[in-house]
Structures are given as structure tokens and as C-alpha cells.
């Protein structure tokens, strides 16, 4: 018998090669404060939700339009576990998969914020520019969250 030529054989397994990107920041504010700043800044930076989630407005199923010129990007919350974890997927991007996770872990003197991207890029470098832009935007946003959360703690 000629192996691999049987039409009933499953296709060979092809291992995916994902791009991952992680930004970690220690925040000199408690997890609850940082979580609230994260949600407030998401809403403020995009001008509100297209669809409110459960719980409203930030929760599971929430959809926002991302203000990237020339692209029609939508972000949908697929997991929402306040005040420690939020997971979302982006549609409309030049990638096969884009999933982001923000996690907050309480520490003795504040919290650790970890923002992770998992991206399945398109072949032949078609996603390279978008992936680079995503990394820059996420890094800047994490730094913005850190700054605002820490300054809100300073004034309390």
C-alpha cells in the first residue's frame, strides 16, 4: 500500500508559527486602580463602544472600532475576568489571527501588568507592517496606563 495516497488519510499536521509579543510593567498602583484605568482609557481612546458587553459596557462581547487610519478594525472581548484578565480578538486586520490578553497580578507594592499578543501572520511578510504597528501601539498604551494609574494613586 502506498502510504499518504489514501484519500481517507488525514492531511499531514502542519505546525503553525505564531508571532508573540509581551509587554510587562510594574505599576505602583493596586490592581483594582490599574484595571479601572485600563478600561477607562480603552473607552476614552476609541470614543466608546459599538456594542456593550456583559457586564456593560466593557465585558464579554463588547466591541470597539480601532482608530487606525485606512483600516476597518474591530476588537471584541472574548474573556472578561475583572480585575485581573481581559482577552480580545481583532477582526479586519491583515493577519489570520490576532488575540490580545491583558493580565494584572497583585504585588506587595502595586501590581504587574502583562499584555500579550498572539498573532498568526499572513505569508510572505504581508502582516509585517501591521505587527510592528501593533507592538508600538500596545507598548505606548501600556505605558499610558502605568502613568495614569500611578498618578491617580499619588492624588488619593
Protein backbone atom coordinates (compact mmCIF):
# COMPACT_ATOMS: atom_id res chain seq x y z
CA UNK A 1 0.00 0.00 0.00
CA UNK A 2 1.25 3.44 -0.85
CA UNK A 3 1.08 5.46 2.40
CA UNK A 4 -0.16 9.02 2.20
CA UNK A 5 -2.12 8.48 -1.00
CA UNK A 6 -5.25 7.09 0.64
CA UNK A 7 -7.99 9.74 0.37
CA UNK A 8 -9.21 8.71 3.83
CA UNK A 9 -5.86 9.62 5.45
CA UNK A 10 -5.94 12.90 7.37
CA UNK A 11 -3.81 15.68 5.93
CA UNK A 12 -0.33 15.92 7.41
CA UNK A 13 -0.04 18.10 10.51
CA UNK A 14 1.47 21.48 9.75
CA UNK A 15 2.81 23.31 12.77
CA UNK A 16 1.73 26.96 12.89
CA UNK A 17 4.32 29.61 13.54
CA UNK A 18 2.80 32.38 15.61
CA UNK A 19 4.29 35.74 16.44
CA UNK A 20 4.14 36.61 20.12
CA UNK A 21 4.87 39.90 21.80
CA UNK A 22 4.83 40.66 25.52
CA UNK A 23 4.96 43.96 27.41
CA UNK A 24 5.41 43.80 31.19
CA UNK A 25 5.28 46.75 33.55
CA UNK A 26 5.30 47.02 37.31
CA UNK A 27 2.68 49.59 38.25
CA UNK A 28 2.90 51.50 41.53
CA UNK A 29 -0.86 51.25 41.99
CA UNK A 30 -3.08 48.43 43.17
CA UNK A 31 -4.66 46.02 40.72
CA UNK A 32 -8.18 47.48 41.05
CA UNK A 33 -6.99 51.02 40.27
CA UNK A 34 -4.93 49.82 37.31
CA UNK A 35 -7.83 47.73 35.99
CA UNK A 36 -10.20 50.71 36.14
CA UNK A 37 -7.65 52.93 34.37
CA UNK A 38 -7.23 50.26 31.65
CA UNK A 39 -10.98 50.17 30.98
CA UNK A 40 -11.41 53.95 31.15
CA UNK A 41 -8.56 54.56 28.70
CA UNK A 42 -9.78 51.93 26.24
CA UNK A 43 -13.18 53.59 26.14
CA UNK A 44 -11.75 57.12 26.01
CA UNK A 45 -9.18 56.34 23.28
CA UNK A 46 -11.74 54.82 20.90
CA UNK A 47 -14.69 57.09 21.66
CA UNK A 48 -16.92 54.46 23.23
CA UNK A 49 -18.28 51.02 22.41
CA UNK A 50 -20.06 49.92 19.22
CA UNK A 51 -21.63 47.10 21.24
CA UNK A 52 -21.67 46.96 25.02
CA UNK A 53 -20.56 43.77 26.68
CA UNK A 54 -21.75 41.86 29.71
CA UNK A 55 -21.31 43.40 32.21
CA UNK A 56 -21.85 46.70 30.39
CA UNK A 57 -20.02 48.34 28.88
CA UNK A 58 -16.60 46.63 28.99
CA UNK A 59 -17.46 42.94 29.44
CA UNK A 60 -17.77 39.81 27.35
CA UNK A 61 -18.93 40.57 23.82
CA UNK A 62 -18.03 44.28 23.94
CA UNK A 63 -16.97 45.59 20.53
CA UNK A 64 -14.97 48.71 19.72
CA UNK A 65 -13.72 50.21 16.47
CA UNK A 66 -9.98 50.81 16.49
CA UNK A 67 -8.92 54.20 15.13
CA UNK A 68 -6.22 53.03 12.69
CA UNK A 69 -6.31 55.16 9.52
CA UNK A 70 -7.13 53.19 6.38
CA UNK A 71 -8.27 50.08 8.23
CA UNK A 72 -11.67 48.87 9.45
CA UNK A 73 -10.59 47.09 12.63
CA UNK A 74 -12.93 45.74 15.28
CA UNK A 75 -11.92 44.49 18.71
CA UNK A 76 -14.21 42.05 20.52
CA UNK A 77 -13.81 41.00 24.15
CA UNK A 78 -13.82 37.19 24.32
CA UNK A 79 -12.96 36.78 28.02
CA UNK A 80 -13.54 39.27 30.83
CA UNK A 81 -12.49 38.48 34.40
CA UNK A 82 -12.28 41.68 36.46
CA UNK A 83 -9.99 42.84 37.90
CA UNK A 84 -7.31 40.59 36.55
CA UNK A 85 -7.78 39.41 32.94
CA UNK A 86 -9.21 40.67 29.66
CA UNK A 87 -8.84 38.84 26.32
CA UNK A 88 -9.84 40.19 22.93
CA UNK A 89 -9.61 39.37 19.24
CA UNK A 90 -9.25 41.80 16.38
CA UNK A 91 -11.01 41.32 13.06
CA UNK A 92 -10.32 43.18 9.84
CA UNK A 93 -6.55 43.12 10.32
CA UNK A 94 -4.11 41.76 7.74
CA UNK A 95 -3.46 38.65 9.88
CA UNK A 96 -5.06 35.21 10.20
CA UNK A 97 -5.39 35.61 14.00
CA UNK A 98 -4.84 38.46 16.44
CA UNK A 99 -5.51 37.81 20.10
CA UNK A 100 -4.50 40.07 22.96
CA UNK A 101 -4.52 39.33 26.67
CA UNK A 102 -4.09 41.82 29.48
CA UNK A 103 -3.43 40.33 32.91
CA UNK A 104 -2.89 42.06 36.24
CA UNK A 105 -1.27 40.35 39.19
CA UNK A 106 -1.27 41.90 42.65
CA UNK A 107 2.19 42.53 44.08
CA UNK A 108 3.26 43.74 47.50
CA UNK A 109 3.94 47.27 46.27
CA UNK A 110 1.48 47.57 43.38
CA UNK A 111 0.72 45.21 40.53
CA UNK A 112 2.29 43.60 37.50
CA UNK A 113 0.61 44.33 34.17
CA UNK A 114 1.36 41.88 31.35
CA UNK A 115 -0.04 42.50 27.86
CA UNK A 116 0.49 39.62 25.44
CA UNK A 117 -0.22 39.47 21.73
CA UNK A 118 -0.59 36.21 19.81
CA UNK A 119 -0.61 36.78 16.07
CA UNK A 120 -0.84 34.35 13.16
CA UNK A 121 0.68 36.46 10.37
CA UNK A 122 -0.14 36.13 6.69
CA UNK A 123 2.53 34.58 4.44
CA UNK A 124 5.21 36.49 2.55
CA UNK A 125 5.51 39.33 5.07
CA UNK A 126 2.03 40.72 4.33
CA UNK A 127 1.43 41.28 8.05
CA UNK A 128 4.83 42.74 8.97
CA UNK A 129 3.81 46.41 9.00
CA UNK A 130 0.66 45.73 10.99
CA UNK A 131 2.53 43.57 13.53
CA UNK A 132 5.15 46.30 14.03
CA UNK A 133 2.44 48.95 14.44
CA UNK A 134 0.59 46.72 16.94
CA UNK A 135 3.73 46.31 19.02
CA UNK A 136 4.29 50.08 19.09
CA UNK A 137 0.66 50.86 19.94
CA UNK A 138 0.47 48.27 22.73
CA UNK A 139 3.79 49.39 24.27
CA UNK A 140 2.65 53.02 24.25
CA UNK A 141 -0.75 52.13 25.67
CA UNK A 142 0.71 50.03 28.49
CA UNK A 143 3.00 52.94 29.39
CA UNK A 144 0.00 55.31 29.32
CA UNK A 145 -1.97 53.00 31.66
CA UNK A 146 1.00 52.82 34.05
CA UNK A 147 1.44 56.61 34.11
CA UNK A 148 -2.26 57.36 34.67
CA UNK A 149 -2.71 54.62 37.31
CA UNK A 150 0.34 55.77 39.24
CA UNK A 151 -0.67 59.43 39.08
CA UNK A 152 -4.20 58.61 40.27
CA UNK A 153 -2.70 56.84 43.28
CA UNK A 154 -0.48 59.86 44.03
CA UNK A 155 -3.51 62.15 44.33
CA UNK A 156 -5.53 59.88 46.65
